[in-house]
Amino acid sequence: MEESGVPKVNVIGPDGKIRQVPWTVPEKPSAAKLVADRLGVGYAEGEENGQLTSKQAGEIGGHLGGPMVAKLVALAKRDLAHGHVEQLIQKQKATPESRL
């Protein structure tokens, strides 16, 4: 470690000599940027993206939120179905003649 507290790493320069340079971590692009790149949509991270059409923005957002929404819908359907079955069971317990 250097006096400034920034760790250093050894690298080989273009002249073949070893030099010490500050260690840095490359920035990871956001999920939105990764999806936009995959779709071929021009998306600038951390900037105004007013040039995007609503279709392009929806494509990016759909890839990000789509799986989550699908899971939430599936959970809601399961809970509704479970509640319906529970109501039928309670109704059947309340009316003994329905057990014939």
N, C-alpha and C. Protein backbone atom coordinates (compact mmCIF):
# COMPACT_ATOMS: atom_id res chain seq x y z
N MET A 1 0.83 -1.19 0.00
CA MET A 1 0.00 0.00 0.00
C MET A 1 0.87 1.24 0.00
N GLU A 2 0.37 2.22 -0.67
CA GLU A 2 1.04 3.52 -0.77
C GLU A 2 0.64 4.37 0.44
N GLU A 3 1.36 5.44 0.66
CA GLU A 3 1.06 6.33 1.78
C GLU A 3 -0.35 6.90 1.68
N SER A 4 -0.83 7.12 0.46
CA SER A 4 -2.16 7.73 0.28
C SER A 4 -3.28 6.75 0.59
N GLY A 5 -2.98 5.50 0.84
CA GLY A 5 -4.00 4.51 1.14
C GLY A 5 -4.55 3.82 -0.10
N VAL A 6 -4.09 4.23 -1.28
CA VAL A 6 -4.55 3.60 -2.52
C VAL A 6 -3.63 2.44 -2.83
N PRO A 7 -4.17 1.22 -2.97
CA PRO A 7 -3.31 0.09 -3.28
C PRO A 7 -2.70 0.23 -4.67
N LYS A 8 -1.53 -0.33 -4.83
CA LYS A 8 -0.81 -0.28 -6.11
C LYS A 8 -0.63 -1.69 -6.65
N VAL A 9 -0.57 -1.79 -7.96
CA VAL A 9 -0.30 -3.06 -8.60
C VAL A 9 0.84 -2.88 -9.59
N ASN A 10 1.55 -3.96 -9.84
CA ASN A 10 2.63 -3.92 -10.81
C ASN A 10 2.08 -4.25 -12.19
N VAL A 11 2.47 -3.46 -13.19
CA VAL A 11 2.09 -3.72 -14.57
C VAL A 11 3.33 -3.60 -15.44
N ILE A 12 3.28 -4.24 -16.57
CA ILE A 12 4.38 -4.12 -17.53
C ILE A 12 4.00 -3.06 -18.54
N GLY A 13 4.82 -2.02 -18.65
CA GLY A 13 4.56 -0.93 -19.57
C GLY A 13 4.92 -1.29 -20.99
N PRO A 14 4.61 -0.39 -21.93
CA PRO A 14 4.89 -0.65 -23.34
C PRO A 14 6.38 -0.80 -23.63
N ASP A 15 7.22 -0.25 -22.74
CA ASP A 15 8.66 -0.38 -22.92
C ASP A 15 9.23 -1.65 -22.30
N GLY A 16 8.33 -2.49 -21.70
CA GLY A 16 8.76 -3.75 -21.10
C GLY A 16 9.19 -3.62 -19.65
N LYS A 17 9.15 -2.42 -19.09
CA LYS A 17 9.54 -2.22 -17.69
C LYS A 17 8.33 -2.35 -16.77
N ILE A 18 8.60 -2.83 -15.56
CA ILE A 18 7.54 -2.97 -14.56
C ILE A 18 7.34 -1.63 -13.87
N ARG A 19 6.07 -1.24 -13.79
CA ARG A 19 5.70 0.01 -13.11
C ARG A 19 4.61 -0.28 -12.08
N GLN A 20 4.51 0.57 -11.07
CA GLN A 20 3.42 0.47 -10.11
C GLN A 20 2.39 1.54 -10.46
N VAL A 21 1.13 1.11 -10.56
CA VAL A 21 0.04 2.04 -10.85
C VAL A 21 -1.06 1.81 -9.82
N PRO A 22 -1.90 2.82 -9.61
CA PRO A 22 -3.01 2.65 -8.65
C PRO A 22 -3.95 1.56 -9.13
N TRP A 23 -4.40 0.75 -8.19
CA TRP A 23 -5.34 -0.32 -8.49
C TRP A 23 -6.73 0.28 -8.59
N THR A 24 -7.43 -0.01 -9.66
CA THR A 24 -8.80 0.47 -9.83
C THR A 24 -9.69 -0.69 -10.26
N VAL A 25 -10.96 -0.55 -9.94
CA VAL A 25 -11.95 -1.55 -10.33
C VAL A 25 -12.74 -0.96 -11.49
N PRO A 26 -12.83 -1.68 -12.59
CA PRO A 26 -13.61 -1.15 -13.71
C PRO A 26 -15.09 -1.04 -13.34
N GLU A 27 -15.73 0.01 -13.83
CA GLU A 27 -17.16 0.19 -13.56
C GLU A 27 -17.97 -0.84 -14.31
N LYS A 28 -18.94 -1.39 -13.62
CA LYS A 28 -19.84 -2.35 -14.27
C LYS A 28 -21.02 -1.57 -14.84
N PRO A 29 -21.41 -1.88 -16.06
CA PRO A 29 -22.58 -1.20 -16.61
C PRO A 29 -23.85 -1.67 -15.89
N SER A 30 -24.85 -0.82 -15.88
CA SER A 30 -26.12 -1.18 -15.24
C SER A 30 -26.83 -2.25 -16.06
N ALA A 31 -27.82 -2.86 -15.44
CA ALA A 31 -28.61 -3.87 -16.15
C ALA A 31 -29.31 -3.25 -17.36
N ALA A 32 -29.77 -2.01 -17.20
CA ALA A 32 -30.44 -1.32 -18.30
C ALA A 32 -29.49 -1.14 -19.49
N LYS A 33 -28.25 -0.78 -19.21
CA LYS A 33 -27.26 -0.59 -20.27
C LYS A 33 -26.96 -1.91 -20.97
N LEU A 34 -26.83 -2.98 -20.20
CA LEU A 34 -26.56 -4.29 -20.79
C LEU A 34 -27.70 -4.74 -21.71
N VAL A 35 -28.95 -4.54 -21.25
CA VAL A 35 -30.10 -4.91 -22.07
C VAL A 35 -30.16 -4.05 -23.32
N ALA A 36 -29.96 -2.74 -23.15
CA ALA A 36 -30.01 -1.82 -24.30
C ALA A 36 -28.96 -2.19 -25.34
N ASP A 37 -27.77 -2.53 -24.88
CA ASP A 37 -26.71 -2.93 -25.81
C ASP A 37 -27.10 -4.20 -26.56
N ARG A 38 -27.68 -5.16 -25.84
CA ARG A 38 -28.09 -6.41 -26.46
C ARG A 38 -29.18 -6.19 -27.51
N LEU A 39 -30.05 -5.20 -27.23
CA LEU A 39 -31.14 -4.91 -28.15
C LEU A 39 -30.73 -3.95 -29.26
N GLY A 40 -29.52 -3.38 -29.14
CA GLY A 40 -29.06 -2.41 -30.13
C GLY A 40 -29.72 -1.05 -29.99
N VAL A 41 -30.12 -0.73 -28.76
CA VAL A 41 -30.76 0.57 -28.47
C VAL A 41 -29.71 1.50 -27.87
N GLY A 42 -29.64 2.72 -28.39
CA GLY A 42 -28.69 3.70 -27.86
C GLY A 42 -29.12 4.20 -26.50
N TYR A 43 -28.41 3.83 -25.46
CA TYR A 43 -28.73 4.20 -24.08
C TYR A 43 -27.48 4.75 -23.42
N ALA A 44 -27.58 5.95 -22.87
CA ALA A 44 -26.43 6.58 -22.21
C ALA A 44 -26.65 6.52 -20.71
N GLU A 45 -25.75 5.83 -20.02
CA GLU A 45 -25.87 5.69 -18.57
C GLU A 45 -25.58 7.00 -17.87
N GLY A 46 -26.42 7.33 -16.91
CA GLY A 46 -26.21 8.53 -16.11
C GLY A 46 -26.49 9.82 -16.86
N GLU A 47 -27.11 9.72 -18.00
CA GLU A 47 -27.41 10.90 -18.81
C GLU A 47 -28.89 10.90 -19.16
N GLU A 48 -29.31 12.00 -19.77
CA GLU A 48 -30.69 12.11 -20.25
C GLU A 48 -30.86 11.20 -21.46
N ASN A 49 -31.88 10.39 -21.44
CA ASN A 49 -32.15 9.47 -22.55
C ASN A 49 -33.46 9.83 -23.24
N GLY A 50 -33.70 11.12 -23.39
CA GLY A 50 -34.93 11.61 -23.99
C GLY A 50 -35.10 11.23 -25.45
N GLN A 51 -34.04 10.80 -26.11
CA GLN A 51 -34.13 10.41 -27.51
C GLN A 51 -34.75 9.04 -27.69
N LEU A 52 -34.88 8.28 -26.62
CA LEU A 52 -35.47 6.95 -26.72
C LEU A 52 -36.96 7.06 -27.00
N THR A 53 -37.44 6.23 -27.89
CA THR A 53 -38.88 6.17 -28.12
C THR A 53 -39.51 5.38 -26.97
N SER A 54 -40.82 5.50 -26.83
CA SER A 54 -41.49 4.75 -25.76
C SER A 54 -41.36 3.24 -26.02
N LYS A 55 -41.32 2.86 -27.28
CA LYS A 55 -41.14 1.44 -27.63
C LYS A 55 -39.78 0.94 -27.16
N GLN A 56 -38.72 1.73 -27.42
CA GLN A 56 -37.38 1.32 -26.99
C GLN A 56 -37.29 1.26 -25.47
N ALA A 57 -37.84 2.27 -24.80
CA ALA A 57 -37.81 2.27 -23.33
C ALA A 57 -38.59 1.08 -22.79
N GLY A 58 -39.71 0.76 -23.43
CA GLY A 58 -40.50 -0.39 -23.00
C GLY A 58 -39.79 -1.70 -23.22
N GLU A 59 -39.02 -1.79 -24.30
CA GLU A 59 -38.26 -3.02 -24.55
C GLU A 59 -37.21 -3.22 -23.46
N ILE A 60 -36.54 -2.14 -23.10
CA ILE A 60 -35.52 -2.23 -22.05
C ILE A 60 -36.19 -2.59 -20.73
N GLY A 61 -37.22 -1.85 -20.36
CA GLY A 61 -37.91 -2.10 -19.09
C GLY A 61 -38.58 -3.45 -19.04
N GLY A 62 -39.12 -3.90 -20.18
CA GLY A 62 -39.77 -5.20 -20.22
C GLY A 62 -38.82 -6.33 -19.94
N HIS A 63 -37.60 -6.21 -20.45
CA HIS A 63 -36.60 -7.25 -20.18
C HIS A 63 -36.18 -7.24 -18.72
N LEU A 64 -36.21 -6.06 -18.11
CA LEU A 64 -35.79 -5.96 -16.71
C LEU A 64 -36.90 -6.38 -15.76
N GLY A 65 -38.11 -5.87 -16.01
CA GLY A 65 -39.22 -6.12 -15.09
C GLY A 65 -40.11 -7.28 -15.47
N GLY A 66 -40.04 -7.73 -16.72
CA GLY A 66 -40.92 -8.78 -17.20
C GLY A 66 -40.91 -10.04 -16.36
N PRO A 67 -39.74 -10.62 -16.08
CA PRO A 67 -39.71 -11.84 -15.27
C PRO A 67 -40.28 -11.62 -13.87
N MET A 68 -40.02 -10.45 -13.29
CA MET A 68 -40.53 -10.17 -11.96
C MET A 68 -42.06 -10.07 -11.99
N VAL A 69 -42.60 -9.39 -12.98
CA VAL A 69 -44.05 -9.26 -13.10
C VAL A 69 -44.68 -10.63 -13.32
N ALA A 70 -44.09 -11.44 -14.16
CA ALA A 70 -44.61 -12.79 -14.41
C ALA A 70 -44.65 -13.60 -13.12
N LYS A 71 -43.62 -13.48 -12.31
CA LYS A 71 -43.58 -14.21 -11.04
C LYS A 71 -44.65 -13.70 -10.09
N LEU A 72 -44.83 -12.37 -10.04
CA LEU A 72 -45.86 -11.81 -9.17
C LEU A 72 -47.25 -12.26 -9.61
N VAL A 73 -47.50 -12.30 -10.90
CA VAL A 73 -48.80 -12.76 -11.41
C VAL A 73 -49.00 -14.23 -11.04
N ALA A 74 -47.98 -15.05 -11.19
CA ALA A 74 -48.08 -16.47 -10.84
C ALA A 74 -48.37 -16.64 -9.35
N LEU A 75 -47.71 -15.85 -8.51
CA LEU A 75 -47.96 -15.92 -7.06
C LEU A 75 -49.39 -15.51 -6.74
N ALA A 76 -49.87 -14.45 -7.39
CA ALA A 76 -51.24 -13.99 -7.15
C ALA A 76 -52.25 -15.06 -7.58
N LYS A 77 -52.01 -15.68 -8.73
CA LYS A 77 -52.91 -16.74 -9.21
C LYS A 77 -52.93 -17.89 -8.22
N ARG A 78 -51.76 -18.26 -7.74
CA ARG A 78 -51.68 -19.37 -6.78
C ARG A 78 -52.45 -19.02 -5.50
N ASP A 79 -52.24 -17.80 -5.01
CA ASP A 79 -52.92 -17.39 -3.78
C ASP A 79 -54.44 -17.32 -3.98
N LEU A 80 -54.87 -16.83 -5.14
CA LEU A 80 -56.30 -16.78 -5.42
C LEU A 80 -56.88 -18.18 -5.51
N ALA A 81 -56.18 -19.07 -6.19
CA ALA A 81 -56.64 -20.45 -6.31
C ALA A 81 -56.70 -21.11 -4.94
N HIS A 82 -55.69 -20.89 -4.14
CA HIS A 82 -55.64 -21.48 -2.79
C HIS A 82 -56.80 -20.94 -1.97
N GLY A 83 -57.06 -19.63 -2.07
CA GLY A 83 -58.17 -19.03 -1.33
C GLY A 83 -59.51 -19.59 -1.78
N HIS A 84 -59.67 -19.83 -3.07
CA HIS A 84 -60.91 -20.38 -3.60
C HIS A 84 -61.12 -21.80 -3.08
N VAL A 85 -60.08 -22.58 -3.07
CA VAL A 85 -60.17 -23.96 -2.56
C VAL A 85 -60.52 -23.93 -1.08
N GLU A 86 -59.90 -23.03 -0.34
CA GLU A 86 -60.19 -22.92 1.09
C GLU A 86 -61.65 -22.55 1.32
N GLN A 87 -62.18 -21.64 0.50
CA GLN A 87 -63.59 -21.25 0.63
C GLN A 87 -64.50 -22.44 0.36
N LEU A 88 -64.17 -23.23 -0.66
CA LEU A 88 -64.98 -24.41 -0.97
C LEU A 88 -64.95 -25.41 0.18
N ILE A 89 -63.80 -25.60 0.77
CA ILE A 89 -63.67 -26.54 1.89
C ILE A 89 -64.49 -26.05 3.07
N GLN A 90 -64.42 -24.74 3.38
CA GLN A 90 -65.18 -24.19 4.49
C GLN A 90 -66.68 -24.31 4.23
N LYS A 91 -67.07 -24.06 2.99
CA LYS A 91 -68.48 -24.16 2.63
C LYS A 91 -68.97 -25.60 2.78
N GLN A 92 -68.13 -26.54 2.37
CA GLN A 92 -68.50 -27.96 2.45
C GLN A 92 -68.62 -28.38 3.92
N LYS A 93 -67.76 -27.88 4.77
CA LYS A 93 -67.82 -28.21 6.21
C LYS A 93 -69.09 -27.62 6.84
N ALA A 94 -69.52 -26.48 6.35
CA ALA A 94 -70.69 -25.81 6.93
C ALA A 94 -71.99 -26.45 6.52
N THR A 95 -72.03 -27.15 5.42
CA THR A 95 -73.28 -27.77 4.94
C THR A 95 -73.09 -29.28 4.85
N PRO A 96 -73.51 -30.00 5.89
CA PRO A 96 -73.31 -31.45 5.91
C PRO A 96 -74.02 -32.19 4.79
N GLU A 97 -75.14 -31.70 4.28
CA GLU A 97 -75.86 -32.41 3.23
C GLU A 97 -75.08 -32.43 1.92
N SER A 98 -74.10 -31.57 1.76
CA SER A 98 -73.33 -31.54 0.53
C SER A 98 -72.31 -32.67 0.46
N ARG A 99 -72.20 -33.43 1.53
CA ARG A 99 -71.20 -34.51 1.57
C ARG A 99 -71.73 -35.80 0.96
N LEU A 100 -72.94 -35.82 0.46
CA LEU A 100 -73.53 -37.04 -0.10
C LEU A 100 -72.84 -37.53 -1.28
